[in-house]
N, C-alpha and C. Protein backbone atom coordinates (compact mmCIF):
# COMPACT_ATOMS: atom_id res chain seq x y z
N UNK A 1 -5.25 3.91 2.56
CA UNK A 1 -6.62 4.03 2.95
C UNK A 1 -7.13 5.43 2.70
N UNK A 2 -6.34 6.43 3.02
CA UNK A 2 -6.75 7.80 2.76
C UNK A 2 -6.91 8.01 1.26
N UNK A 3 -6.01 7.42 0.48
CA UNK A 3 -6.11 7.55 -0.97
C UNK A 3 -7.38 6.87 -1.48
N UNK A 4 -7.67 5.69 -0.98
CA UNK A 4 -8.87 4.97 -1.41
C UNK A 4 -10.10 5.79 -1.09
N UNK A 5 -10.18 6.37 0.11
CA UNK A 5 -11.31 7.21 0.49
C UNK A 5 -11.38 8.44 -0.40
N UNK A 6 -10.23 9.04 -0.67
CA UNK A 6 -10.20 10.23 -1.54
C UNK A 6 -10.63 9.86 -2.95
N UNK A 7 -10.19 8.71 -3.44
CA UNK A 7 -10.56 8.30 -4.79
C UNK A 7 -12.06 8.04 -4.89
N UNK A 8 -12.64 7.50 -3.83
CA UNK A 8 -14.10 7.31 -3.83
C UNK A 8 -14.80 8.68 -3.90
N UNK A 9 -14.24 9.68 -3.26
CA UNK A 9 -14.81 11.03 -3.31
C UNK A 9 -14.73 11.57 -4.73
N UNK A 10 -13.58 11.40 -5.35
CA UNK A 10 -13.36 11.92 -6.71
C UNK A 10 -14.08 11.07 -7.74
N UNK A 11 -13.99 9.75 -7.61
CA UNK A 11 -14.50 8.84 -8.63
C UNK A 11 -15.97 8.47 -8.43
N UNK A 12 -16.50 8.70 -7.24
CA UNK A 12 -17.86 8.29 -6.96
C UNK A 12 -17.91 6.79 -6.73
N UNK A 13 -19.10 6.22 -6.81
CA UNK A 13 -19.25 4.79 -6.49
C UNK A 13 -18.90 3.88 -7.66
N UNK A 14 -17.92 4.26 -8.45
CA UNK A 14 -17.52 3.43 -9.59
C UNK A 14 -17.08 2.06 -9.12
N UNK A 15 -17.07 1.11 -10.02
CA UNK A 15 -16.75 -0.27 -9.67
C UNK A 15 -15.25 -0.55 -9.77
N UNK A 16 -14.43 0.46 -9.55
CA UNK A 16 -12.98 0.27 -9.57
C UNK A 16 -12.60 -0.45 -8.29
N UNK A 17 -11.87 -1.56 -8.42
CA UNK A 17 -11.42 -2.31 -7.25
C UNK A 17 -10.07 -1.81 -6.78
N UNK A 18 -10.06 -0.99 -5.73
CA UNK A 18 -8.81 -0.49 -5.17
C UNK A 18 -8.31 -1.45 -4.11
N UNK A 19 -7.00 -1.63 -4.04
CA UNK A 19 -6.40 -2.43 -2.98
C UNK A 19 -5.05 -1.84 -2.61
N UNK A 20 -4.52 -2.29 -1.48
CA UNK A 20 -3.25 -1.80 -0.97
C UNK A 20 -2.22 -2.92 -1.05
N UNK A 21 -1.13 -2.66 -1.74
CA UNK A 21 -0.05 -3.64 -1.85
C UNK A 21 1.03 -3.24 -0.87
N UNK A 22 1.27 -4.11 0.10
CA UNK A 22 2.27 -3.84 1.12
C UNK A 22 3.63 -3.73 0.45
N UNK A 23 4.49 -2.79 0.81
CA UNK A 23 4.30 -1.85 1.90
C UNK A 23 3.75 -0.50 1.48
N UNK A 24 3.73 -0.16 0.16
CA UNK A 24 3.48 1.25 -0.14
C UNK A 24 2.83 1.55 -1.48
N UNK A 25 2.07 0.61 -2.03
CA UNK A 25 1.43 0.88 -3.32
C UNK A 25 -0.08 0.82 -3.20
N UNK A 26 -0.74 1.62 -4.03
CA UNK A 26 -2.18 1.56 -4.18
C UNK A 26 -2.44 1.00 -5.57
N UNK A 27 -3.24 -0.06 -5.64
CA UNK A 27 -3.56 -0.69 -6.91
C UNK A 27 -5.00 -0.40 -7.30
N UNK A 28 -5.23 -0.30 -8.60
CA UNK A 28 -6.57 -0.26 -9.17
C UNK A 28 -6.64 -1.51 -10.03
N UNK A 29 -7.41 -2.50 -9.57
CA UNK A 29 -7.32 -3.81 -10.21
C UNK A 29 -5.92 -4.32 -9.98
N UNK A 30 -5.28 -4.87 -11.03
CA UNK A 30 -3.92 -5.38 -10.85
C UNK A 30 -2.82 -4.34 -11.10
N UNK A 31 -3.20 -3.11 -11.44
CA UNK A 31 -2.22 -2.10 -11.87
C UNK A 31 -1.94 -1.08 -10.78
N UNK A 32 -0.67 -0.66 -10.71
CA UNK A 32 -0.27 0.35 -9.73
C UNK A 32 -0.80 1.72 -10.15
N UNK A 33 -1.48 2.35 -9.23
CA UNK A 33 -2.03 3.68 -9.45
C UNK A 33 -1.23 4.74 -8.68
N UNK A 34 -0.71 4.35 -7.53
CA UNK A 34 -0.07 5.31 -6.66
C UNK A 34 1.00 4.64 -5.83
N UNK A 35 2.02 5.42 -5.47
CA UNK A 35 3.06 4.95 -4.58
C UNK A 35 3.21 5.91 -3.42
N UNK A 36 3.54 5.37 -2.26
CA UNK A 36 3.66 6.16 -1.05
C UNK A 36 5.04 5.91 -0.45
N UNK A 37 5.69 6.97 0.01
CA UNK A 37 7.00 6.85 0.61
C UNK A 37 7.00 7.55 1.96
N UNK A 38 7.48 6.84 2.97
CA UNK A 38 7.63 7.41 4.31
C UNK A 38 9.11 7.45 4.65
N UNK A 39 9.53 8.58 5.17
CA UNK A 39 10.90 8.73 5.67
C UNK A 39 10.79 9.17 7.11
N UNK A 40 11.55 8.52 7.98
CA UNK A 40 11.52 8.87 9.40
C UNK A 40 12.93 9.22 9.87
N UNK A 41 13.01 10.17 10.78
CA UNK A 41 14.30 10.55 11.33
C UNK A 41 14.12 10.89 12.81
N UNK A 42 15.00 10.32 13.62
CA UNK A 42 14.97 10.61 15.05
C UNK A 42 15.39 12.06 15.28
N UNK A 43 14.70 12.71 16.18
CA UNK A 43 14.96 14.10 16.51
C UNK A 43 15.54 14.19 17.93
N UNK A 44 16.20 15.29 18.24
CA UNK A 44 16.69 15.45 19.61
C UNK A 44 15.55 15.30 20.61
N UNK A 45 15.84 14.66 21.71
CA UNK A 45 14.82 14.46 22.74
C UNK A 45 13.97 13.23 22.51
N UNK A 46 14.28 12.44 21.49
CA UNK A 46 13.54 11.20 21.25
C UNK A 46 12.34 11.32 20.34
N UNK A 47 12.02 12.52 19.88
CA UNK A 47 10.88 12.67 18.96
C UNK A 47 11.22 12.05 17.61
N UNK A 48 10.22 11.73 16.87
CA UNK A 48 10.39 11.15 15.53
C UNK A 48 9.71 12.05 14.52
N UNK A 49 10.46 12.49 13.52
CA UNK A 49 9.89 13.30 12.44
C UNK A 49 9.64 12.37 11.25
N UNK A 50 8.45 12.48 10.68
CA UNK A 50 8.09 11.63 9.55
C UNK A 50 7.62 12.51 8.40
N UNK A 51 8.16 12.23 7.23
CA UNK A 51 7.75 12.91 6.01
C UNK A 51 7.06 11.88 5.12
N UNK A 52 5.89 12.24 4.62
CA UNK A 52 5.12 11.36 3.75
C UNK A 52 5.09 11.96 2.36
N UNK A 53 5.46 11.16 1.38
CA UNK A 53 5.37 11.58 -0.01
C UNK A 53 4.50 10.61 -0.77
N UNK A 54 3.79 11.12 -1.77
CA UNK A 54 2.90 10.25 -2.52
C UNK A 54 2.81 10.74 -3.95
N UNK A 55 2.81 9.81 -4.86
CA UNK A 55 2.61 10.14 -6.26
C UNK A 55 1.45 9.31 -6.80
N UNK A 56 0.53 9.97 -7.48
CA UNK A 56 -0.62 9.30 -8.08
C UNK A 56 -0.64 9.63 -9.56
N UNK A 57 -0.84 8.62 -10.36
CA UNK A 57 -0.95 8.81 -11.81
C UNK A 57 -2.34 9.36 -12.12
N UNK A 58 -2.42 10.64 -12.32
CA UNK A 58 -3.71 11.29 -12.56
C UNK A 58 -4.07 11.25 -14.05
N UNK A 59 -3.16 11.68 -14.91
CA UNK A 59 -3.45 11.80 -16.34
C UNK A 59 -2.87 10.65 -17.16
N UNK A 60 -1.69 10.18 -16.79
CA UNK A 60 -1.02 9.12 -17.55
C UNK A 60 -0.24 8.25 -16.58
N UNK A 61 0.14 7.07 -17.07
CA UNK A 61 0.94 6.13 -16.28
C UNK A 61 2.17 5.74 -17.08
N UNK A 62 3.26 5.43 -16.40
CA UNK A 62 4.45 4.99 -17.12
C UNK A 62 4.20 3.68 -17.85
N UNK A 63 4.87 3.52 -18.95
CA UNK A 63 4.74 2.28 -19.74
C UNK A 63 6.04 1.52 -19.71
N UNK A 64 5.99 0.23 -20.05
CA UNK A 64 7.18 -0.58 -20.14
C UNK A 64 7.77 -1.00 -18.81
N UNK A 65 6.98 -0.96 -17.76
CA UNK A 65 7.44 -1.38 -16.44
C UNK A 65 7.26 -2.88 -16.27
N UNK A 66 7.97 -3.50 -15.33
CA UNK A 66 7.79 -4.94 -15.10
C UNK A 66 6.38 -5.30 -14.65
N UNK A 67 5.72 -4.40 -13.94
CA UNK A 67 4.34 -4.62 -13.49
C UNK A 67 3.47 -3.53 -14.11
N UNK A 68 2.19 -3.84 -14.35
CA UNK A 68 1.32 -2.84 -14.98
C UNK A 68 1.07 -1.63 -14.10
N UNK A 69 0.89 -0.49 -14.74
CA UNK A 69 0.53 0.76 -14.07
C UNK A 69 -0.67 1.35 -14.79
N UNK A 70 -1.42 2.17 -14.09
CA UNK A 70 -2.58 2.81 -14.69
C UNK A 70 -2.69 4.23 -14.16
N UNK A 71 -3.63 4.97 -14.72
CA UNK A 71 -3.89 6.34 -14.26
C UNK A 71 -5.38 6.49 -14.01
N UNK A 72 -5.72 7.55 -13.29
CA UNK A 72 -7.14 7.83 -13.07
C UNK A 72 -7.86 8.02 -14.39
N UNK A 73 -7.23 8.73 -15.33
CA UNK A 73 -7.86 8.96 -16.63
C UNK A 73 -8.14 7.63 -17.34
N UNK A 74 -7.17 6.70 -17.30
CA UNK A 74 -7.38 5.39 -17.94
C UNK A 74 -8.52 4.62 -17.28
N UNK A 75 -8.78 4.92 -16.01
CA UNK A 75 -9.87 4.27 -15.28
C UNK A 75 -11.21 4.97 -15.50
N UNK A 76 -11.19 6.03 -16.30
CA UNK A 76 -12.42 6.78 -16.57
C UNK A 76 -12.73 7.86 -15.56
N UNK A 77 -11.75 8.19 -14.73
CA UNK A 77 -11.94 9.23 -13.72
C UNK A 77 -11.27 10.50 -14.24
N UNK A 78 -12.08 11.49 -14.58
CA UNK A 78 -11.54 12.78 -15.04
C UNK A 78 -11.49 13.72 -13.85
N UNK A 79 -10.30 14.04 -13.42
CA UNK A 79 -10.11 14.95 -12.30
C UNK A 79 -8.80 15.68 -12.51
N UNK A 80 -8.51 16.56 -11.61
CA UNK A 80 -7.24 17.28 -11.65
C UNK A 80 -6.44 16.94 -10.40
N UNK A 81 -5.16 17.24 -10.43
CA UNK A 81 -4.33 17.02 -9.26
C UNK A 81 -4.84 17.84 -8.09
N UNK A 82 -5.34 19.04 -8.36
CA UNK A 82 -5.83 19.91 -7.30
C UNK A 82 -7.06 19.32 -6.60
N UNK A 83 -7.98 18.79 -7.37
CA UNK A 83 -9.18 18.19 -6.79
C UNK A 83 -8.81 16.94 -5.98
N UNK A 84 -7.90 16.12 -6.52
CA UNK A 84 -7.45 14.94 -5.81
C UNK A 84 -6.75 15.33 -4.51
N UNK A 85 -5.90 16.35 -4.59
CA UNK A 85 -5.19 16.81 -3.39
C UNK A 85 -6.17 17.26 -2.31
N UNK A 86 -7.20 17.97 -2.68
CA UNK A 86 -8.19 18.43 -1.70
C UNK A 86 -8.88 17.23 -1.04
N UNK A 87 -9.26 16.24 -1.84
CA UNK A 87 -9.89 15.04 -1.29
C UNK A 87 -8.92 14.28 -0.38
N UNK A 88 -7.66 14.19 -0.80
CA UNK A 88 -6.65 13.53 0.03
C UNK A 88 -6.44 14.27 1.34
N UNK A 89 -6.44 15.58 1.29
CA UNK A 89 -6.25 16.37 2.51
C UNK A 89 -7.37 16.10 3.51
N UNK A 90 -8.60 16.03 3.03
CA UNK A 90 -9.72 15.72 3.92
C UNK A 90 -9.58 14.32 4.51
N UNK A 91 -9.20 13.36 3.69
CA UNK A 91 -9.03 11.99 4.18
C UNK A 91 -7.87 11.90 5.16
N UNK A 92 -6.80 12.65 4.87
CA UNK A 92 -5.64 12.64 5.77
C UNK A 92 -6.06 13.09 7.17
N UNK A 93 -6.86 14.14 7.25
CA UNK A 93 -7.32 14.64 8.55
C UNK A 93 -8.12 13.55 9.27
N UNK A 94 -9.01 12.88 8.55
CA UNK A 94 -9.82 11.82 9.15
C UNK A 94 -8.94 10.70 9.70
N UNK A 95 -8.01 10.22 8.89
CA UNK A 95 -7.18 9.09 9.31
C UNK A 95 -6.15 9.49 10.36
N UNK A 96 -5.71 10.74 10.35
CA UNK A 96 -4.82 11.22 11.40
C UNK A 96 -5.55 11.18 12.74
N UNK A 97 -6.83 11.51 12.73
CA UNK A 97 -7.63 11.43 13.95
C UNK A 97 -7.77 10.00 14.44
N UNK A 98 -7.95 9.06 13.54
CA UNK A 98 -8.03 7.65 13.93
C UNK A 98 -6.68 7.19 14.48
N UNK A 99 -5.59 7.62 13.85
CA UNK A 99 -4.24 7.25 14.29
C UNK A 99 -4.03 7.61 15.76
N UNK A 100 -4.38 8.82 16.14
CA UNK A 100 -4.35 9.28 17.53
C UNK A 100 -3.03 8.94 18.22
N UNK A 101 -1.94 9.41 17.65
CA UNK A 101 -0.60 9.21 18.23
C UNK A 101 -0.26 7.73 18.40
N UNK A 102 -0.77 6.89 17.52
CA UNK A 102 -0.48 5.46 17.57
C UNK A 102 -1.51 4.63 18.31
N UNK A 103 -2.37 5.27 19.09
CA UNK A 103 -3.37 4.51 19.85
C UNK A 103 -4.41 3.87 18.94
N UNK A 104 -4.59 4.41 17.73
CA UNK A 104 -5.57 3.86 16.81
C UNK A 104 -4.99 2.92 15.77
N UNK A 105 -3.74 2.47 15.98
CA UNK A 105 -3.12 1.61 14.98
C UNK A 105 -3.94 0.34 14.74
N UNK A 106 -4.52 -0.23 15.78
CA UNK A 106 -5.31 -1.45 15.62
C UNK A 106 -6.45 -1.26 14.62
N UNK A 107 -7.15 -0.15 14.72
CA UNK A 107 -8.24 0.16 13.79
C UNK A 107 -7.71 0.36 12.38
N UNK A 108 -6.62 1.09 12.24
CA UNK A 108 -6.03 1.31 10.91
C UNK A 108 -5.54 0.00 10.31
N UNK A 109 -4.96 -0.86 11.13
CA UNK A 109 -4.51 -2.18 10.67
C UNK A 109 -5.68 -2.99 10.12
N UNK A 110 -6.81 -2.99 10.84
CA UNK A 110 -7.99 -3.72 10.36
C UNK A 110 -8.50 -3.15 9.04
N UNK A 111 -8.53 -1.84 8.93
CA UNK A 111 -8.97 -1.21 7.68
C UNK A 111 -8.01 -1.52 6.55
N UNK A 112 -6.70 -1.51 6.84
CA UNK A 112 -5.70 -1.83 5.82
C UNK A 112 -5.88 -3.27 5.36
N UNK A 113 -6.04 -4.20 6.30
CA UNK A 113 -6.20 -5.61 5.94
C UNK A 113 -7.45 -5.84 5.08
N UNK A 114 -8.50 -5.06 5.31
CA UNK A 114 -9.72 -5.19 4.51
C UNK A 114 -9.48 -4.83 3.05
N UNK A 115 -8.43 -4.05 2.77
CA UNK A 115 -8.10 -3.65 1.40
C UNK A 115 -6.81 -4.28 0.89
N UNK A 116 -6.25 -5.21 1.64
CA UNK A 116 -4.93 -5.78 1.32
C UNK A 116 -4.94 -6.61 0.04
N UNK A 117 -4.02 -6.28 -0.86
CA UNK A 117 -3.80 -7.10 -2.06
C UNK A 117 -2.98 -8.32 -1.67
N UNK A 118 -3.35 -9.46 -2.18
CA UNK A 118 -2.56 -10.67 -2.01
C UNK A 118 -2.68 -11.37 -0.68
N UNK A 119 -3.55 -10.92 0.20
CA UNK A 119 -3.71 -11.56 1.50
C UNK A 119 -4.16 -13.01 1.30
N UNK A 120 -3.46 -13.94 1.94
CA UNK A 120 -3.79 -15.36 1.81
C UNK A 120 -3.26 -16.00 0.54
N UNK A 121 -2.47 -15.28 -0.23
CA UNK A 121 -1.96 -15.79 -1.50
C UNK A 121 -0.44 -15.99 -1.43
N UNK A 122 0.11 -16.75 -2.39
CA UNK A 122 1.56 -16.92 -2.43
C UNK A 122 2.25 -15.58 -2.61
N UNK A 123 3.38 -15.43 -1.90
CA UNK A 123 4.14 -14.19 -1.95
C UNK A 123 5.62 -14.52 -1.85
N UNK A 124 6.43 -13.72 -2.52
CA UNK A 124 7.88 -13.75 -2.36
C UNK A 124 8.31 -12.33 -2.06
N UNK A 125 9.10 -12.16 -1.00
CA UNK A 125 9.54 -10.84 -0.59
C UNK A 125 11.06 -10.82 -0.60
N UNK A 126 11.63 -9.94 -1.42
CA UNK A 126 13.07 -9.74 -1.47
C UNK A 126 13.42 -8.65 -0.46
N UNK A 127 14.20 -8.99 0.54
CA UNK A 127 14.54 -8.03 1.58
C UNK A 127 15.89 -7.37 1.35
N UNK A 128 16.57 -7.75 0.30
CA UNK A 128 17.92 -7.24 0.04
C UNK A 128 18.96 -8.24 0.49
N UNK A 129 18.66 -8.95 1.59
CA UNK A 129 19.57 -9.96 2.10
C UNK A 129 19.12 -11.36 1.71
N UNK A 130 17.82 -11.54 1.59
CA UNK A 130 17.26 -12.86 1.32
C UNK A 130 15.91 -12.72 0.64
N UNK A 131 15.37 -13.82 0.18
CA UNK A 131 14.01 -13.86 -0.33
C UNK A 131 13.21 -14.79 0.57
N UNK A 132 12.11 -14.28 1.08
CA UNK A 132 11.22 -15.07 1.92
C UNK A 132 10.00 -15.40 1.08
N UNK A 133 9.69 -16.69 0.95
CA UNK A 133 8.54 -17.14 0.16
C UNK A 133 7.56 -17.88 1.05
N UNK A 134 6.29 -17.77 0.71
CA UNK A 134 5.25 -18.47 1.45
C UNK A 134 3.90 -17.85 1.13
N UNK A 135 3.06 -17.75 2.13
CA UNK A 135 1.73 -17.16 1.99
C UNK A 135 1.68 -15.86 2.80
N UNK A 136 1.07 -14.83 2.21
CA UNK A 136 0.88 -13.56 2.93
C UNK A 136 -0.20 -13.81 3.97
N UNK A 137 0.23 -13.86 5.24
CA UNK A 137 -0.64 -14.26 6.33
C UNK A 137 -1.41 -13.08 6.93
N UNK A 138 -0.70 -12.00 7.27
CA UNK A 138 -1.34 -10.86 7.93
C UNK A 138 -0.33 -9.72 8.07
N UNK A 139 -0.75 -8.67 8.72
CA UNK A 139 0.15 -7.63 9.21
C UNK A 139 0.19 -7.79 10.72
N UNK A 140 1.38 -7.69 11.31
CA UNK A 140 1.44 -7.80 12.76
C UNK A 140 1.13 -6.46 13.41
N UNK A 141 1.28 -6.41 14.73
CA UNK A 141 0.92 -5.21 15.50
C UNK A 141 1.86 -4.05 15.25
N UNK A 142 2.96 -4.27 14.51
CA UNK A 142 3.88 -3.19 14.19
C UNK A 142 3.80 -2.78 12.72
N UNK A 143 2.95 -3.44 11.94
CA UNK A 143 2.81 -3.12 10.53
C UNK A 143 3.68 -3.97 9.63
N UNK A 144 4.41 -4.92 10.20
CA UNK A 144 5.24 -5.82 9.37
C UNK A 144 4.36 -6.83 8.65
N UNK A 145 4.77 -7.18 7.43
CA UNK A 145 4.10 -8.24 6.69
C UNK A 145 4.52 -9.57 7.31
N UNK A 146 3.56 -10.43 7.58
CA UNK A 146 3.86 -11.74 8.13
C UNK A 146 3.65 -12.77 7.02
N UNK A 147 4.74 -13.51 6.73
CA UNK A 147 4.70 -14.55 5.71
C UNK A 147 4.77 -15.91 6.39
N UNK A 148 3.80 -16.77 6.07
CA UNK A 148 3.81 -18.14 6.58
C UNK A 148 4.60 -18.98 5.58
N UNK A 149 5.71 -19.52 6.04
CA UNK A 149 6.60 -20.28 5.16
C UNK A 149 6.06 -21.69 4.93
N UNK A 150 6.54 -22.38 3.90
CA UNK A 150 6.06 -23.74 3.62
C UNK A 150 6.23 -24.69 4.80
N UNK A 151 7.24 -24.45 5.65
CA UNK A 151 7.46 -25.31 6.83
C UNK A 151 6.55 -24.96 8.00
N UNK A 152 5.70 -23.95 7.85
CA UNK A 152 4.76 -23.57 8.90
C UNK A 152 5.25 -22.45 9.79
N UNK A 153 6.48 -21.98 9.57
CA UNK A 153 6.98 -20.85 10.36
C UNK A 153 6.35 -19.55 9.90
N UNK A 154 6.52 -18.55 10.73
CA UNK A 154 6.00 -17.21 10.40
C UNK A 154 7.16 -16.24 10.47
N UNK A 155 7.34 -15.46 9.39
CA UNK A 155 8.44 -14.50 9.30
C UNK A 155 7.83 -13.10 9.18
N UNK A 156 8.21 -12.21 10.09
CA UNK A 156 7.77 -10.81 10.03
C UNK A 156 8.79 -10.02 9.22
N UNK A 157 8.31 -9.28 8.23
CA UNK A 157 9.18 -8.53 7.34
C UNK A 157 8.83 -7.05 7.43
N UNK A 158 9.86 -6.22 7.68
CA UNK A 158 9.62 -4.78 7.86
C UNK A 158 9.77 -3.99 6.57
N UNK A 159 10.48 -4.53 5.58
CA UNK A 159 10.66 -3.83 4.30
C UNK A 159 11.06 -4.85 3.25
N UNK A 160 10.66 -4.61 2.02
CA UNK A 160 11.05 -5.52 0.95
C UNK A 160 10.29 -5.28 -0.32
N UNK A 161 10.74 -5.97 -1.35
CA UNK A 161 10.14 -5.94 -2.68
C UNK A 161 9.18 -7.12 -2.77
N UNK A 162 7.90 -6.87 -2.93
CA UNK A 162 6.87 -7.89 -2.84
C UNK A 162 6.40 -8.35 -4.23
N UNK A 163 6.31 -9.67 -4.39
CA UNK A 163 5.82 -10.25 -5.64
C UNK A 163 4.73 -11.28 -5.31
N UNK A 164 3.58 -11.13 -5.97
CA UNK A 164 2.46 -12.06 -5.78
C UNK A 164 2.30 -12.93 -7.02
N UNK A 165 1.44 -13.92 -6.91
CA UNK A 165 1.04 -14.73 -8.06
C UNK A 165 2.17 -15.55 -8.64
N UNK A 166 2.23 -15.59 -9.97
CA UNK A 166 3.23 -16.42 -10.66
C UNK A 166 4.64 -16.02 -10.28
N UNK A 167 4.89 -14.74 -10.10
CA UNK A 167 6.23 -14.28 -9.72
C UNK A 167 6.62 -14.83 -8.36
N UNK A 168 5.66 -14.91 -7.43
CA UNK A 168 5.95 -15.46 -6.11
C UNK A 168 6.17 -16.95 -6.19
N UNK A 169 5.33 -17.63 -6.96
CA UNK A 169 5.44 -19.08 -7.08
C UNK A 169 6.75 -19.50 -7.71
N UNK A 170 7.27 -18.68 -8.61
CA UNK A 170 8.53 -18.99 -9.28
C UNK A 170 9.72 -18.45 -8.52
N UNK A 171 9.49 -17.90 -7.32
CA UNK A 171 10.58 -17.33 -6.54
C UNK A 171 10.92 -15.93 -6.97
N UNK A 172 10.07 -15.34 -7.82
CA UNK A 172 10.23 -13.95 -8.29
C UNK A 172 11.59 -13.71 -8.90
N UNK A 173 12.07 -14.66 -9.64
CA UNK A 173 13.38 -14.49 -10.30
C UNK A 173 13.30 -13.53 -11.46
């Protein structure tokens, strides 16, 4: 969400359709533009330290990947990493305020769902132990992806490799 807001600042009101692919990708149309990585570690006294890393394809995107990737330049957005970083920093401050030590998660969840890629569509999620297939139903109150299985059950997934569309329908083999 912070990236989408920052990109609107950098790109202006362009008709680029940004969406968020659970758990950690930003898409421009069907192509990956950015990836986000969170690492958490318990600290003495019960505190939790979190490090956030993010990579955005500003000038070029990798080629030959299983899924398409794009860059800001390919989207017609001419900017620099420095300008994007400044916009991201401003957005980070805004969204950190909404987060409010977790009290604002409900609001962030609603904003995330408004930009969610694949919501209501077939999905297959590889968790490392199994593949869960069904429809991407929602995000729960903890941020897990909820998949509605063909039998009507609901499975909450905390991490996994997500495949939509034909890859999901075919079991993402």
